[in-house]
Amino acid sequence: MSTALETDEHRALRQAVAALGARYARDFFAADGPGSGPGGNDAATTRTRHIQDLWQEAAKLGYLGINLPEEYGGGGAGISELAIVLEELGAVGCPLLMLVVSPSICGTVIARFGTEEQKRQWLPGLADGSRIMSFGITEPDAGSNSHRITTTGRRAPDGSGDWLLTGRKVFISGVDISDATLIVGRAEDSRTGKLKPCLFIVPRDTPGFEYRQIDMELHAAEKQFELSFDDIRLPAEALVGDEDAGLLQLFAGLNPERIMSAAFALGMGRFALTKAVDYARTRQVWKTPIGAHQAIAHPLAQAHIELELARLMTQKAARLYDAGDDIGAGEAANMAKYAAAEANVRAVDQAVHTLGGNGLTKEYGLAQLVTASRVARIAPVSREMILNYVSHQSLGLPKSY
């Protein structure tokens, strides 16, 4: 795909990351699916191991923490560079979902708003891959309405300054492999008595912090979990930064989340399109490759155009965010996520259709993307909520909710 608008450093980064991913791609596909051994877990376990190996090598090469501050072991770059890493890994078929969460959301929030102690405790580990952090915002009864979040933190009555946190979360990725989860909750404002957003770092081994795996139809190494906790005790320093910066912290994490989700979708769409184009070049039914027929060629060309356009918006969103324009980045990040998700779904659908029956076989690795591509339309924010945002914030139309 064209990278004419990128710097030489960005192009070099793309090439290096693509080369890294290519070394792992064959193992990813060989280990794909639910498995055929006792309990059906052999392949899933193998794929998890390959992801762990890729995660560690990417960390050693400086890719995981490329967006984090240099003084804490990061690369000192930005979300633009981290998005490139995720997209290129996805384009060869081995995306790392936790890149969307650990260095992107959690690392960014802590780097921008954490105390000095929190930065020194977490950022070096997030950068070198030795520590992973999950992000907990979605709740069973809140859905897309973050104003209905009921997870609540209150000061312990004994005057210790500790926090007591109660709540539930759902569809939280990678809790089982994370050292801690960054929990979005609410706390009482001592001046007004009203609840306001706050973020808490909750180590996985905190007494009373319970997590249960959700049985998903989607086969992925990174599992989804439901969390529950009732008055779990956290030290005062578990609160990220300042109590009054909770809303700023939340949006500081959500914009990178949307940008990285767009990069994830772009990588998936590019992977599917590459498979389809290679097949269309070589597959012959009569005398010519099927790619010579416009009924095959034109939809693939359209998919390529849509992915390119989505990438441009993703680049714009990342640049605005890295430049410190949170408001501008908010609009662009939502648009990028929408565009990339739609382009991804259409690319995957057309790729499967191009291969016909072969598109549903394990050999080509496309069938699983039919389900996975739909996730991009749903998470971390649905396309309908993005349309709500754009119609209200960008177009100035009245709210419907």
Foldseek 3Di string as FASTA:
>chain_A
DDDVVDDPVLVVLLVVLLVLLLVLLVQLLVLDDQADDVVSNPSLVSNLVSLLVSLQVCLVVQLQQQAACVVQPHVVRHLLSNLSNQLSNLQSPHGDVLSLFFCQQPVQLCRVFFDPVSSNVRNNCSRNVVAGEWEFQAAPPQAPNSVPAAWEWEADPVPQLKIFTWHKTWFIKQLVPHQWYWYWHWYADPVPRDTDIWIFTGGSPQPQWDKDWDDDPQSDSITIIMIGGGGGIGHNSRIGHDNVCRVVSVLSRVLSSLLSLLSNLLSNLSNLLVLLVVQQQPDDDDDHRNCVDCVLVVLSVVLVVLSVVLVVLSSVLGVCVSVVNSVVSVLSSLVSLLSSLVSSQSSLVSSLVSVDPVCCDSVSPRVSVNVVSVVSCPPPHHNVVSVQCCCCVVVVDDHPD
